[in-house]
Amino acid sequence: AFTWCQVPFVYQVRDCAQPSLLLSMNDGTQQHISDLAITGEICRNIFLRNGRIKRIDVTLPPALLFTE
């Protein structure tokens, strides 16, 4: 885990087919992104440090990190 512009990014390695992001917003809602890319709007909210994005969970399959 690390923080970027005061937003925690928490990485998890799980057996899954695709990497994904789970954005937890300050209003209690969550947004699931089935990719490792975020929109310009999300980037803007992170860089502005406006508190709208509470946390980002990153889920990665082991194949992306470990090779034999």
Protein backbone atom coordinates (compact mmCIF):
# COMPACT_ATOMS: atom_id res chain seq x y z
CA ALA A 1 0.00 0.00 0.00
CA PHE A 2 1.01 3.60 -0.53
CA THR A 3 -0.65 7.00 -0.74
CA TRP A 4 -0.66 9.30 -3.74
CA CYS A 5 -1.90 12.85 -3.16
CA GLN A 6 -3.39 11.66 0.15
CA VAL A 7 -5.37 8.82 -1.48
CA PRO A 8 -4.46 5.30 -0.25
CA PHE A 9 -3.74 2.74 -2.97
CA VAL A 10 -3.98 -0.79 -1.60
CA TYR A 11 -2.64 -3.64 -3.73
CA GLN A 12 -3.89 -7.21 -3.43
CA VAL A 13 -2.70 -10.27 -5.33
CA ARG A 14 -5.59 -12.65 -6.00
CA ASP A 15 -6.35 -15.46 -8.39
CA CYS A 16 -8.41 -13.59 -10.94
CA ALA A 17 -8.53 -13.45 -14.71
CA GLN A 18 -8.15 -9.69 -15.09
CA PRO A 19 -6.66 -6.90 -13.00
CA SER A 20 -9.18 -4.42 -11.61
CA LEU A 21 -9.63 -1.27 -9.57
CA LEU A 22 -12.21 -0.56 -6.90
CA LEU A 23 -12.65 3.11 -6.11
CA SER A 24 -14.24 3.95 -2.78
CA MET A 25 -15.71 7.41 -2.85
CA ASN A 26 -16.20 9.78 0.08
CA ASP A 27 -20.01 9.60 -0.27
CA GLY A 28 -19.96 5.83 0.40
CA THR A 29 -20.36 4.70 -3.21
CA GLN A 30 -17.92 2.43 -5.02
CA GLN A 31 -16.90 2.26 -8.65
CA HIS A 32 -15.49 -0.94 -10.15
CA ILE A 33 -13.12 -0.61 -13.11
CA SER A 34 -12.14 -3.81 -14.90
CA ASP A 35 -8.84 -2.43 -16.10
CA LEU A 36 -5.80 -0.65 -14.68
CA ALA A 37 -6.65 2.73 -16.20
CA ILE A 38 -8.51 5.60 -14.60
CA THR A 39 -10.34 8.46 -16.26
CA GLY A 40 -9.23 12.06 -16.43
CA GLU A 41 -11.99 12.96 -13.97
CA ILE A 42 -10.67 10.49 -11.41
CA CYS A 43 -7.12 11.79 -11.92
CA ARG A 44 -8.32 15.34 -11.45
CA ASN A 45 -10.01 14.42 -8.16
CA ILE A 46 -6.83 12.71 -6.95
CA PHE A 47 -4.53 15.59 -7.90
CA LEU A 48 -6.88 18.23 -6.49
CA ARG A 49 -6.87 16.38 -3.14
CA ASN A 50 -10.53 17.28 -2.75
CA GLY A 51 -11.40 14.19 -0.69
CA ARG A 52 -13.90 12.77 -3.19
CA ILE A 53 -11.87 9.59 -3.62
CA LYS A 54 -11.37 7.88 -0.28
CA ARG A 55 -9.35 4.83 -1.38
CA ILE A 56 -8.36 2.80 -4.44
CA ASP A 57 -8.00 -0.97 -4.20
CA VAL A 58 -5.91 -2.57 -6.95
CA THR A 59 -6.37 -6.30 -7.55
CA LEU A 60 -3.73 -8.08 -9.61
CA PRO A 61 -3.45 -11.69 -10.77
CA PRO A 62 -0.16 -13.37 -9.77
CA ALA A 63 0.78 -13.83 -13.46
CA LEU A 64 1.30 -10.06 -13.77
CA LEU A 65 3.83 -10.05 -10.95
CA PHE A 66 5.50 -13.43 -10.89
CA THR A 67 7.06 -15.38 -13.72
CA GLU A 68 8.46 -18.87 -13.67
